[in-house]
N, C-alpha and C. Protein backbone atom coordinates (compact mmCIF):
# COMPACT_ATOMS: atom_id res chain seq x y z
N MET A 1 52.27 61.77 129.45
CA MET A 1 53.54 61.71 128.69
C MET A 1 53.54 62.83 127.50
N HIS A 2 52.47 63.13 126.78
CA HIS A 2 52.06 64.09 125.95
C HIS A 2 52.73 65.29 126.43
N TRP A 3 52.43 65.59 127.61
CA TRP A 3 52.72 66.90 127.96
C TRP A 3 54.12 67.03 128.47
N ASP A 4 54.83 65.99 128.83
CA ASP A 4 56.30 65.96 129.03
C ASP A 4 57.16 66.41 127.53
N ARG A 5 56.66 65.78 126.51
CA ARG A 5 57.30 66.01 125.28
C ARG A 5 57.32 67.19 124.92
N LEU A 6 55.85 68.01 125.18
CA LEU A 6 55.83 69.33 124.79
C LEU A 6 56.67 70.31 125.81
N PHE A 7 56.64 70.14 126.83
CA PHE A 7 57.58 70.92 127.33
C PHE A 7 59.16 70.96 127.34
N GLU A 8 59.40 69.63 127.15
CA GLU A 8 60.89 69.30 126.61
C GLU A 8 61.11 70.09 125.02
N ASP A 9 60.19 70.25 124.26
CA ASP A 9 60.01 71.07 123.01
C ASP A 9 60.21 71.96 123.12
N LEU A 10 59.58 72.89 124.37
CA LEU A 10 59.55 74.28 124.33
C LEU A 10 60.85 74.67 125.16
N GLU A 11 61.27 73.79 126.02
CA GLU A 11 62.51 74.06 126.88
C GLU A 11 63.67 73.96 125.76
N GLY A 12 63.81 72.99 124.70
CA GLY A 12 64.90 72.98 123.78
C GLY A 12 64.69 74.37 122.66
N GLN A 13 63.58 74.59 122.49
CA GLN A 13 63.35 75.75 121.54
C GLN A 13 63.91 77.14 122.05
N LEU A 14 63.81 77.16 123.43
CA LEU A 14 63.98 78.52 124.25
C LEU A 14 65.60 78.35 124.31
N ALA A 15 66.12 77.48 124.40
CA ALA A 15 67.57 77.10 124.78
C ALA A 15 68.44 77.39 123.26
N ALA A 16 67.70 76.87 122.35
CA ALA A 16 67.99 77.33 120.85
C ALA A 16 68.36 78.91 120.61
N GLU A 17 67.08 79.36 121.18
CA GLU A 17 67.09 80.87 120.64
C GLU A 17 67.81 81.64 121.75
N TRP A 18 67.99 81.30 123.15
CA TRP A 18 69.20 81.97 123.70
C TRP A 18 70.51 81.60 123.38
N GLU A 19 70.89 80.71 122.82
CA GLU A 19 72.08 80.05 122.45
C GLU A 19 72.25 80.93 120.90
N ALA A 20 71.33 81.13 119.98
CA ALA A 20 71.49 82.00 118.85
C ALA A 20 71.57 83.28 118.97
N GLU A 21 70.78 83.78 120.02
CA GLU A 21 70.93 85.42 120.80
C GLU A 21 72.30 85.66 121.30
N ARG A 22 72.93 84.61 121.98
CA ARG A 22 74.18 84.56 122.67
C ARG A 22 75.34 85.15 121.33
N ALA A 23 75.16 83.93 120.48
CA ALA A 23 76.44 84.05 119.34
C ALA A 23 75.92 85.16 118.42
N ALA A 24 74.60 85.83 118.34
CA ALA A 24 74.62 86.88 117.45
C ALA A 24 75.13 88.07 118.72
N LEU A 25 75.34 88.17 119.79
CA LEU A 25 75.94 89.07 120.71
C LEU A 25 77.35 88.88 120.66
N ASP A 26 77.73 87.89 120.51
CA ASP A 26 79.21 87.65 120.53
C ASP A 26 79.85 88.23 119.47
N ALA A 27 79.14 87.63 118.10
CA ALA A 27 79.52 88.16 116.92
C ALA A 27 79.56 89.65 116.61
N GLU A 28 78.51 90.40 117.18
CA GLU A 28 78.47 91.63 117.22
C GLU A 28 79.50 92.31 118.04
N SER A 29 79.87 91.95 118.99
CA SER A 29 80.89 92.11 120.09
C SER A 29 82.28 92.14 119.27
N GLU A 30 82.48 91.15 118.59
CA GLU A 30 83.80 90.96 117.79
C GLU A 30 83.72 91.84 116.79
N ARG A 31 82.59 92.19 116.25
CA ARG A 31 82.71 93.13 114.90
C ARG A 31 83.08 94.65 115.80
N LEU A 32 82.56 95.02 116.82
CA LEU A 32 82.85 95.98 117.52
C LEU A 32 84.45 96.06 118.01
N ARG A 33 84.68 95.14 118.50
CA ARG A 33 86.42 95.10 118.66
C ARG A 33 87.29 95.53 117.73
N ILE A 34 86.97 94.60 116.55
CA ILE A 34 87.76 94.75 115.26
C ILE A 34 87.62 96.21 114.73
N SER A 35 86.59 96.70 114.73
CA SER A 35 86.20 98.11 114.27
C SER A 35 87.25 99.23 114.95
N LYS A 36 87.65 98.75 116.15
CA LYS A 36 88.56 99.63 116.93
C LYS A 36 89.84 99.40 116.78
N LEU A 37 90.14 98.49 115.62
CA LEU A 37 91.87 98.27 115.78
C LEU A 37 92.32 99.44 114.69
N THR A 38 93.75 99.79 114.55
CA THR A 38 94.13 100.56 113.81
C THR A 38 95.18 100.05 113.00
N LEU A 39 95.54 100.47 111.98
CA LEU A 39 96.34 100.09 111.19
C LEU A 39 97.67 99.86 111.83
N LEU A 40 98.31 100.74 112.58
CA LEU A 40 99.31 100.71 113.72
C LEU A 40 99.59 99.48 114.54
N ALA A 41 98.52 99.30 114.85
CA ALA A 41 98.62 98.09 116.16
C ALA A 41 98.54 96.84 115.25
N ARG A 42 98.17 96.73 114.22
CA ARG A 42 98.06 95.61 113.27
C ARG A 42 99.56 95.49 112.86
N LEU A 43 100.10 96.51 112.27
CA LEU A 43 101.46 96.31 111.67
C LEU A 43 102.59 96.08 113.05
N ARG A 44 102.14 96.54 114.12
CA ARG A 44 103.26 96.29 115.13
C ARG A 44 102.73 94.56 115.20
N LEU A 45 101.85 94.02 115.51
CA LEU A 45 101.64 92.43 115.65
C LEU A 45 102.56 91.63 114.26
N MET A 46 102.29 92.36 113.21
CA MET A 46 102.88 91.70 112.28
C MET A 46 104.35 91.70 112.18
N GLN A 47 105.05 92.80 112.67
CA GLN A 47 106.38 92.90 112.77
C GLN A 47 106.82 91.77 113.83
N ARG A 48 105.90 91.63 114.86
CA ARG A 48 106.15 90.80 116.00
C ARG A 48 106.57 89.14 115.42
N ASP A 49 105.50 89.17 114.66
CA ASP A 49 105.31 87.62 114.09
C ASP A 49 106.26 87.54 112.90
N ASP A 50 107.08 88.60 112.39
CA ASP A 50 108.00 88.39 111.35
C ASP A 50 107.82 87.86 110.22
N ALA A 51 106.33 88.06 109.67
CA ALA A 51 105.66 87.29 108.37
C ALA A 51 106.53 87.95 107.14
N PRO A 52 106.69 86.94 106.05
CA PRO A 52 107.12 87.75 104.88
C PRO A 52 105.66 88.82 104.24
N ILE A 53 106.08 89.83 103.92
CA ILE A 53 105.24 90.92 103.31
C ILE A 53 105.71 91.31 101.82
N THR A 54 104.77 91.80 101.17
CA THR A 54 105.19 92.77 99.95
C THR A 54 104.21 93.80 100.29
N VAL A 55 104.96 94.91 100.25
CA VAL A 55 104.53 96.20 100.32
C VAL A 55 103.71 96.85 99.17
N ARG A 56 102.90 97.47 98.91
CA ARG A 56 102.19 97.93 97.69
C ARG A 56 102.36 99.26 97.77
N LEU A 57 103.02 100.10 97.18
CA LEU A 57 103.14 101.65 97.22
C LEU A 57 102.29 102.55 96.50
N ALA A 58 102.16 103.67 96.76
CA ALA A 58 101.39 104.86 95.76
C ALA A 58 101.72 104.88 94.64
N ASP A 59 103.06 104.62 94.08
CA ASP A 59 103.57 105.02 92.93
C ASP A 59 103.24 103.35 91.87
N GLY A 60 102.60 102.64 92.67
CA GLY A 60 102.45 101.16 91.81
C GLY A 60 103.76 100.22 92.05
N GLU A 61 104.74 100.49 92.98
CA GLU A 61 105.98 99.62 92.80
C GLU A 61 105.28 98.68 93.92
N ARG A 62 106.00 97.46 94.04
CA ARG A 62 105.90 96.59 95.20
C ARG A 62 107.30 95.95 95.69
N GLN A 63 107.29 95.84 96.70
CA GLN A 63 108.76 95.52 97.22
C GLN A 63 108.36 94.61 98.30
N SER A 64 109.18 93.41 98.39
CA SER A 64 108.94 92.19 99.14
C SER A 64 110.19 92.12 100.19
N GLY A 65 109.70 91.65 101.45
CA GLY A 65 110.72 91.63 102.68
C GLY A 65 110.23 91.38 103.82
N ARG A 66 110.58 91.85 104.78
CA ARG A 66 110.09 91.43 106.31
C ARG A 66 109.99 92.81 106.98
N LEU A 67 108.77 92.93 107.74
CA LEU A 67 108.72 94.20 108.50
C LEU A 67 109.70 94.41 109.63
N ARG A 68 110.38 95.39 109.81
CA ARG A 68 111.56 95.19 110.73
C ARG A 68 111.21 96.63 112.03
N ALA A 69 110.60 97.37 111.52
CA ALA A 69 110.37 98.33 112.37
C ALA A 69 108.97 99.21 111.94
N VAL A 70 108.29 99.60 113.09
CA VAL A 70 107.08 100.23 112.90
C VAL A 70 107.24 101.78 113.64
N GLY A 71 107.14 102.77 113.04
CA GLY A 71 107.23 104.17 113.90
C GLY A 71 105.71 104.63 113.99
N ALA A 72 105.82 105.99 114.30
CA ALA A 72 104.39 106.69 114.28
C ALA A 72 103.80 107.04 113.27
N ASP A 73 104.32 107.04 112.00
CA ASP A 73 103.49 107.25 110.95
C ASP A 73 104.74 106.54 109.59
N TRP A 74 105.61 105.59 109.70
CA TRP A 74 106.02 104.69 108.75
C TRP A 74 106.46 103.54 109.32
N ILE A 75 106.80 102.87 108.20
CA ILE A 75 107.29 101.53 108.44
C ILE A 75 108.70 101.28 107.86
N ALA A 76 109.57 100.23 108.15
CA ALA A 76 110.98 100.06 107.63
C ALA A 76 110.54 98.61 107.32
N VAL A 77 110.86 98.02 105.98
CA VAL A 77 110.85 97.04 105.50
C VAL A 77 112.48 96.61 104.94
N GLN A 78 112.98 95.35 105.58
CA GLN A 78 114.10 94.82 105.10
C GLN A 78 113.89 94.01 103.60
N THR A 79 114.72 94.83 102.94
CA THR A 79 114.41 93.99 101.43
C THR A 79 115.58 93.18 100.96
N ALA A 80 115.47 91.94 100.39
CA ALA A 80 116.37 91.32 100.10
C ALA A 80 117.22 91.80 98.54
N GLU A 81 116.41 92.15 97.71
CA GLU A 81 116.88 92.33 96.38
C GLU A 81 116.40 93.96 96.25
N PRO A 82 117.26 95.07 96.29
CA PRO A 82 118.55 94.92 96.58
C PRO A 82 118.57 95.08 98.48
N PRO A 83 119.84 94.09 98.81
CA PRO A 83 119.71 94.42 100.34
C PRO A 83 119.48 95.85 100.84
N SER A 84 118.55 96.21 101.59
CA SER A 84 118.50 97.60 101.95
C SER A 84 117.61 97.63 102.97
N ALA A 85 117.35 98.74 104.02
CA ALA A 85 116.03 98.87 104.40
C ALA A 85 115.08 100.05 103.96
N LEU A 86 113.85 100.00 103.20
CA LEU A 86 113.14 100.56 102.85
C LEU A 86 112.17 101.24 103.69
N ILE A 87 112.08 102.36 103.89
CA ILE A 87 111.45 103.31 104.68
C ILE A 87 110.12 103.81 103.79
N VAL A 88 108.85 103.52 104.62
CA VAL A 88 107.73 103.87 103.62
C VAL A 88 107.10 104.91 104.42
N PRO A 89 106.45 105.82 104.37
CA PRO A 89 105.34 106.64 104.83
C PRO A 89 104.17 105.75 105.02
N ILE A 90 103.51 105.81 106.11
CA ILE A 90 102.31 105.20 106.29
C ILE A 90 101.20 105.35 104.86
N SER A 91 101.31 106.74 104.71
CA SER A 91 100.45 107.33 103.80
C SER A 91 100.60 107.05 102.17
N ALA A 92 102.10 106.46 102.32
CA ALA A 92 102.32 105.94 100.84
C ALA A 92 101.98 104.51 100.46
N LEU A 93 101.32 103.80 101.47
CA LEU A 93 101.27 102.29 101.34
C LEU A 93 99.55 102.24 100.54
N THR A 94 99.55 101.43 99.77
CA THR A 94 98.26 101.21 99.22
C THR A 94 97.82 99.76 99.54
N GLY A 95 98.95 99.02 100.43
CA GLY A 95 98.23 97.75 100.88
C GLY A 95 99.56 96.74 101.23
N LEU A 96 99.30 95.81 101.95
CA LEU A 96 100.28 94.78 102.21
C LEU A 96 99.93 93.60 102.17
N ASP A 97 100.76 92.71 101.16
CA ASP A 97 100.27 91.26 100.80
C ASP A 97 101.14 90.49 101.85
N THR A 98 100.55 89.15 102.58
CA THR A 98 101.07 88.32 103.27
C THR A 98 100.24 86.93 103.26
N HIS A 99 100.63 86.19 104.02
CA HIS A 99 99.74 85.00 104.10
C HIS A 99 98.44 84.86 104.95
N HIS A 100 97.25 84.25 104.88
CA HIS A 100 96.17 84.46 105.49
C HIS A 100 96.42 84.22 106.92
N GLY A 101 97.14 83.24 107.61
CA GLY A 101 97.57 83.12 108.93
C GLY A 101 98.21 84.31 109.63
N ALA A 102 98.77 85.15 108.71
CA ALA A 102 99.39 86.45 109.43
C ALA A 102 98.63 87.43 109.52
N ILE A 103 97.81 87.76 108.60
CA ILE A 103 96.54 88.65 108.67
C ILE A 103 95.69 88.11 109.70
N LEU A 104 95.23 87.00 109.98
CA LEU A 104 94.62 86.60 111.11
C LEU A 104 95.22 86.95 112.36
N ASP A 105 96.42 86.86 112.38
CA ASP A 105 96.96 87.02 113.74
C ASP A 105 97.08 88.41 114.08
N THR A 106 96.84 89.30 113.19
CA THR A 106 96.88 90.81 113.59
C THR A 106 95.34 91.05 114.07
N LEU A 107 94.62 90.41 114.15
CA LEU A 107 93.11 90.41 114.69
C LEU A 107 93.22 89.87 116.03
N GLU A 108 94.37 89.52 116.77
CA GLU A 108 94.33 89.24 117.83
C GLU A 108 93.87 90.27 119.23
N ASP A 109 93.48 89.80 120.08
CA ASP A 109 92.94 90.46 121.17
C ASP A 109 93.92 91.30 122.12
N VAL A 110 95.19 91.47 121.41
CA VAL A 110 96.49 91.51 122.07
C VAL A 110 96.98 92.83 121.78
N GLU A 111 97.25 93.99 122.51
CA GLU A 111 98.03 94.96 121.92
C GLU A 111 99.55 94.98 121.81
N ALA A 112 100.12 94.89 120.52
CA ALA A 112 101.33 94.62 120.52
C ALA A 112 102.24 96.05 120.97
N PRO A 113 103.11 96.03 122.14
CA PRO A 113 103.74 97.27 122.49
C PRO A 113 104.67 97.88 121.45
N ALA A 114 104.36 99.32 121.43
CA ALA A 114 105.08 99.77 120.69
C ALA A 114 106.83 99.83 120.75
N ASP A 115 107.39 99.83 119.90
CA ASP A 115 108.80 99.62 119.97
C ASP A 115 109.71 100.38 120.45
N GLY A 116 109.49 100.68 121.43
CA GLY A 116 109.97 101.84 122.44
C GLY A 116 110.07 102.95 121.89
N LEU A 117 111.08 103.68 121.75
CA LEU A 117 111.51 105.15 121.26
C LEU A 117 110.99 105.10 119.72
N ARG A 118 111.36 103.88 118.74
CA ARG A 118 111.32 103.82 117.46
C ARG A 118 109.66 104.07 117.24
N GLY A 119 108.99 103.33 118.04
CA GLY A 119 107.34 103.26 117.75
C GLY A 119 106.98 104.84 117.92
N ARG A 120 107.42 105.64 118.70
CA ARG A 120 107.14 106.89 118.64
C ARG A 120 107.63 107.91 117.85
N MET A 121 108.92 107.46 117.11
CA MET A 121 109.61 108.36 116.34
C MET A 121 108.75 108.58 114.85
N THR A 122 108.43 109.90 114.55
CA THR A 122 107.90 110.20 113.37
C THR A 122 108.86 110.18 112.07
N LEU A 123 108.19 110.37 111.04
CA LEU A 123 109.23 110.30 109.78
C LEU A 123 110.08 111.60 109.87
N GLY A 124 109.74 112.54 110.33
CA GLY A 124 110.84 113.68 110.48
C GLY A 124 111.62 113.39 111.47
N PHE A 125 111.27 113.03 112.38
CA PHE A 125 112.67 112.72 113.50
C PHE A 125 113.56 111.69 112.91
N LEU A 126 113.01 110.54 112.23
CA LEU A 126 113.95 109.56 111.46
C LEU A 126 114.66 110.39 110.31
N LEU A 127 114.21 111.13 109.69
CA LEU A 127 115.24 111.92 108.55
C LEU A 127 115.94 112.76 108.93
N ARG A 128 115.66 113.59 110.17
CA ARG A 128 116.75 114.16 110.63
C ARG A 128 117.93 113.40 111.41
N ASP A 129 117.29 112.40 111.78
CA ASP A 129 118.67 111.20 112.35
C ASP A 129 119.48 110.93 111.21
N PHE A 130 118.82 110.67 109.89
CA PHE A 130 119.53 110.37 108.57
C PHE A 130 120.69 111.64 108.24
N ALA A 131 119.73 112.97 108.58
CA ALA A 131 120.56 114.04 108.07
C ALA A 131 121.80 114.16 108.96
N ARG A 132 121.65 113.77 110.18
CA ARG A 132 122.77 114.18 111.11
C ARG A 132 123.96 112.94 111.28
N ARG A 133 123.61 111.89 110.42
CA ARG A 133 124.41 110.85 109.91
C ARG A 133 125.07 110.88 108.87
N ARG A 134 124.63 111.64 107.87
CA ARG A 134 124.75 112.36 106.63
C ARG A 134 124.72 110.89 105.84
N LEU A 135 123.88 110.14 105.83
CA LEU A 135 123.64 109.15 104.98
C LEU A 135 123.31 109.30 103.54
N ALA A 136 123.88 108.55 102.85
CA ALA A 136 123.48 108.74 101.35
C ALA A 136 122.26 107.77 101.19
N LEU A 137 121.17 108.34 100.44
CA LEU A 137 119.76 107.77 100.10
C LEU A 137 119.41 107.52 98.88
N ARG A 138 118.60 106.75 98.74
CA ARG A 138 117.65 106.85 97.21
C ARG A 138 116.28 107.27 97.77
N VAL A 139 115.91 108.09 97.17
CA VAL A 139 114.36 108.62 97.38
C VAL A 139 113.55 108.19 96.25
N GLY A 140 112.11 107.92 96.61
CA GLY A 140 111.05 107.57 95.40
C GLY A 140 110.27 108.40 95.75
N LEU A 141 109.77 109.25 94.72
CA LEU A 141 108.65 110.46 94.91
C LEU A 141 107.30 109.96 94.06
N GLY A 142 106.25 110.37 94.52
CA GLY A 142 105.02 109.84 93.84
C GLY A 142 104.65 110.42 92.39
N ASP A 143 105.55 110.90 91.83
CA ASP A 143 105.45 111.02 90.18
C ASP A 143 106.18 110.23 89.56
N GLY A 144 107.16 109.16 90.23
CA GLY A 144 107.85 108.32 89.48
C GLY A 144 109.24 108.75 89.70
N GLU A 145 109.47 109.83 89.92
CA GLU A 145 110.92 110.29 89.82
C GLU A 145 112.02 109.52 91.09
N ARG A 146 112.87 109.15 90.60
CA ARG A 146 114.06 108.58 91.58
C ARG A 146 115.02 109.41 91.83
N LEU A 147 115.52 109.84 93.06
CA LEU A 147 116.57 110.79 93.44
C LEU A 147 117.68 110.01 94.07
N HIS A 148 118.92 110.35 94.30
CA HIS A 148 119.95 109.76 95.18
C HIS A 148 120.77 111.12 95.55
N GLY A 149 121.06 110.99 97.11
CA GLY A 149 121.54 112.15 97.79
C GLY A 149 121.68 112.22 99.01
N THR A 150 121.79 113.25 99.69
CA THR A 150 121.87 113.32 101.16
C THR A 150 120.98 114.10 101.82
N ILE A 151 120.30 114.08 102.99
CA ILE A 151 119.33 114.94 103.56
C ILE A 151 120.17 116.12 104.33
N ASP A 152 120.03 117.33 103.83
CA ASP A 152 120.71 118.22 104.78
C ASP A 152 120.12 118.51 105.94
N ARG A 153 118.78 118.68 105.85
CA ARG A 153 117.66 119.10 107.06
C ARG A 153 116.31 118.57 106.55
N ALA A 154 115.79 118.49 108.02
CA ALA A 154 114.33 117.74 107.82
C ALA A 154 113.53 118.61 108.75
N GLY A 155 112.70 119.11 108.09
CA GLY A 155 111.38 119.72 108.99
C GLY A 155 110.37 119.14 109.38
N ASP A 156 109.24 119.52 109.69
CA ASP A 156 107.82 118.93 110.29
C ASP A 156 107.38 118.04 109.44
N ASP A 157 107.17 118.71 108.01
CA ASP A 157 106.33 118.09 106.92
C ASP A 157 107.31 118.06 105.63
N HIS A 158 108.78 118.25 105.58
CA HIS A 158 109.50 118.29 104.39
C HIS A 158 110.95 118.03 104.88
N PHE A 159 111.77 117.85 103.68
CA PHE A 159 113.14 117.85 103.87
C PHE A 159 113.88 118.23 102.71
N ASP A 160 115.01 118.75 103.24
CA ASP A 160 116.13 119.27 101.90
C ASP A 160 117.00 118.18 101.55
N LEU A 161 117.03 117.89 100.43
CA LEU A 161 117.77 116.93 99.72
C LEU A 161 118.90 117.59 98.65
N ALA A 162 120.25 117.07 99.07
CA ALA A 162 121.38 117.76 98.04
C ALA A 162 121.42 116.21 96.98
N ILE A 163 121.22 116.52 95.91
CA ILE A 163 121.35 115.48 95.07
C ILE A 163 122.61 114.96 94.40
N HIS A 164 123.16 114.11 94.57
CA HIS A 164 124.39 113.69 93.92
C HIS A 164 124.23 112.33 93.45
N ASP A 165 125.36 111.91 92.64
CA ASP A 165 125.47 110.63 92.23
C ASP A 165 125.84 109.67 93.36
N ALA A 166 125.16 108.38 92.93
CA ALA A 166 125.22 107.23 93.97
C ALA A 166 126.98 107.11 94.15
N GLY A 167 127.25 106.68 95.19
CA GLY A 167 128.72 106.27 95.58
C GLY A 167 129.53 107.31 95.76
N GLN A 168 128.88 108.70 95.43
CA GLN A 168 129.75 110.20 95.78
C GLN A 168 129.54 110.43 97.31
N ALA A 169 130.37 111.12 98.22
CA ALA A 169 130.17 111.61 99.14
C ALA A 169 129.35 112.94 99.16
N ARG A 170 128.66 113.34 99.93
CA ARG A 170 127.83 114.79 99.68
C ARG A 170 129.25 115.69 100.09
N LEU A 171 129.69 116.21 98.99
CA LEU A 171 130.78 117.24 98.96
C LEU A 171 130.29 118.22 98.04
N ALA A 172 130.70 119.68 97.80
CA ALA A 172 130.50 120.68 97.55
C ALA A 172 130.29 120.32 95.92
N GLY A 173 131.52 119.69 95.59
CA GLY A 173 131.81 119.34 94.18
C GLY A 173 130.74 118.54 93.39
N ALA A 174 130.47 117.78 94.49
CA ALA A 174 129.56 116.46 93.67
C ALA A 174 128.11 116.72 93.76
N VAL A 175 127.53 117.79 94.46
CA VAL A 175 126.19 117.98 94.59
C VAL A 175 125.86 118.68 93.31
N ARG A 176 124.84 118.12 92.70
CA ARG A 176 124.16 118.64 91.23
C ARG A 176 123.15 119.45 91.66
N SER A 177 122.42 119.63 92.41
CA SER A 177 121.37 120.42 92.95
C SER A 177 120.74 120.19 94.11
N PHE A 178 119.74 120.88 94.67
CA PHE A 178 119.19 120.75 95.91
C PHE A 178 117.62 121.13 95.68
N ARG A 179 116.88 120.18 96.63
CA ARG A 179 115.44 120.12 96.19
C ARG A 179 114.83 119.78 97.79
N ILE A 180 113.74 120.73 98.03
CA ILE A 180 112.78 120.80 99.21
C ILE A 180 111.88 119.66 98.46
N VAL A 181 111.57 118.52 99.54
CA VAL A 181 110.65 117.55 99.04
C VAL A 181 109.71 117.60 100.36
N PRO A 182 108.35 117.74 99.93
CA PRO A 182 107.35 117.59 100.96
C PRO A 182 106.98 115.99 101.46
N PHE A 183 106.95 115.60 102.66
CA PHE A 183 106.65 114.40 102.94
C PHE A 183 105.49 114.02 101.93
N SER A 184 104.63 114.52 101.43
CA SER A 184 103.48 114.29 100.89
C SER A 184 103.64 113.61 99.67
N ALA A 185 104.65 114.29 99.05
CA ALA A 185 105.39 113.60 97.78
C ALA A 185 106.24 112.58 97.93
N LEU A 186 106.64 111.80 99.18
CA LEU A 186 107.49 110.85 99.32
C LEU A 186 107.04 109.60 99.47
N VAL A 187 107.42 108.45 98.78
CA VAL A 187 106.78 107.12 98.45
C VAL A 187 107.81 106.40 99.44
N TRP A 188 108.96 106.43 99.25
CA TRP A 188 109.98 105.55 100.11
C TRP A 188 111.25 106.34 100.34
N VAL A 189 111.90 105.80 101.09
CA VAL A 189 113.66 106.13 101.30
C VAL A 189 114.16 104.71 101.60
N ARG A 190 115.21 104.60 100.58
CA ARG A 190 115.73 103.52 100.63
C ARG A 190 117.36 103.65 101.20
N THR A 191 117.88 102.97 102.09
CA THR A 191 119.20 103.30 103.14
C THR A 191 120.09 102.18 102.47
N ALA A 192 121.31 102.35 102.35
CA ALA A 192 122.20 101.18 101.68
C ALA A 192 122.28 99.99 102.76
N SER A 193 122.50 98.87 102.30
CA SER A 193 122.77 97.54 103.00
C SER A 193 121.77 97.63 104.49
N GLY A 194 120.39 98.04 104.29
CA GLY A 194 119.26 97.76 105.47
C GLY A 194 119.83 98.80 106.94
N VAL A 195 120.71 100.04 106.72
CA VAL A 195 120.95 100.77 107.67
C VAL A 195 119.82 101.53 108.17
N LEU A 196 119.34 101.39 109.74
CA LEU A 196 118.17 101.98 109.94
C LEU A 196 118.33 102.58 111.08
């Protein structure tokens, strides 16, 4: 009788140790999986779930809305006030606020597919499209300056902006000045009425 209890205790201790070791391995495996997640992958999952977000920008500004597109190196947030599409280079983000459930959902073991062509488009590609369409834009720079104008051309790491007043078309007489803007100085681009 005494030996039976002793062996039962030993079996119980051994099972508990194996369970603790398995739990430790599972926890380490999960930490390793999470360590390989990229910000872009998590942003794509957040876009899929359509959670409300607030983006924190390098210039200290905060903008609330819904994540509508995730490109190769930028995101687009649909804002309500003012109603527009806010294009933000990933490098200009200092954080995203949302509810805890949305953050946990971005840790899923599922890779959200890139949004087709949009998911592969770089910021330069997007700005070249804006230049082709002659869209009037507002631009926010890292030093706090705000500009309004039309992109004339966009290179690999910069764009040329024809600066003119809001509500005016980009005509020679309306342009006040021209500026070359490095992407590294760009915090956001805002399109009118959510055009993307």
